[in-house]
Amino acid sequence: DFESGVVLFNFAIVHLCLARTGREFKRAHFFARNALQLLCCANDVVAKECMDAAVSTTLIFSDPIHQYCQVLLTAMILDNVVQLCWTLGMTKHAEEAAQRLAALEAAASEQEEHMQFIMMSVDFAAAAAA
């Protein structure tokens, strides 16, 4: 679920910080590889929920803010995967992650108008209820 993805992402960021502060190459490399594994796990967890058509369709209409947060989290994960793969010399993996990030950005742009309409509807409904 989304919260698990956030926790995994946060652990990955901690490992990235440890990798950057490590003075020994082996230790820094160890933490960087762990960060990459955690980012990949976070991506899998968040992507599973996003790819579930029933859940995704429900979120579009019932909780657009949650869906927006999923897109943002996925983008942050993929951005870090790209940077980390480049740093680790994993060019092919970095390019694949960059392509997925570009596809996500394109899909998000296509849905932006729809999301803005839903967000305005949610704001209107909240104002009407108040």
Foldseek 3Di string as FASTA:
>chain_A
DLVLLVVLLVQLVVLCVQLVPDPDPVSSVVSLVSSLVSLVVSLVVLVVQCPPVVNVVCCLQPPLVVVVVSLVSNLVSLVSNLVSCVVVVVNVSNVVSVVVNVVSVVVCVVCVVVSVVNVVVVVVVVVVVD
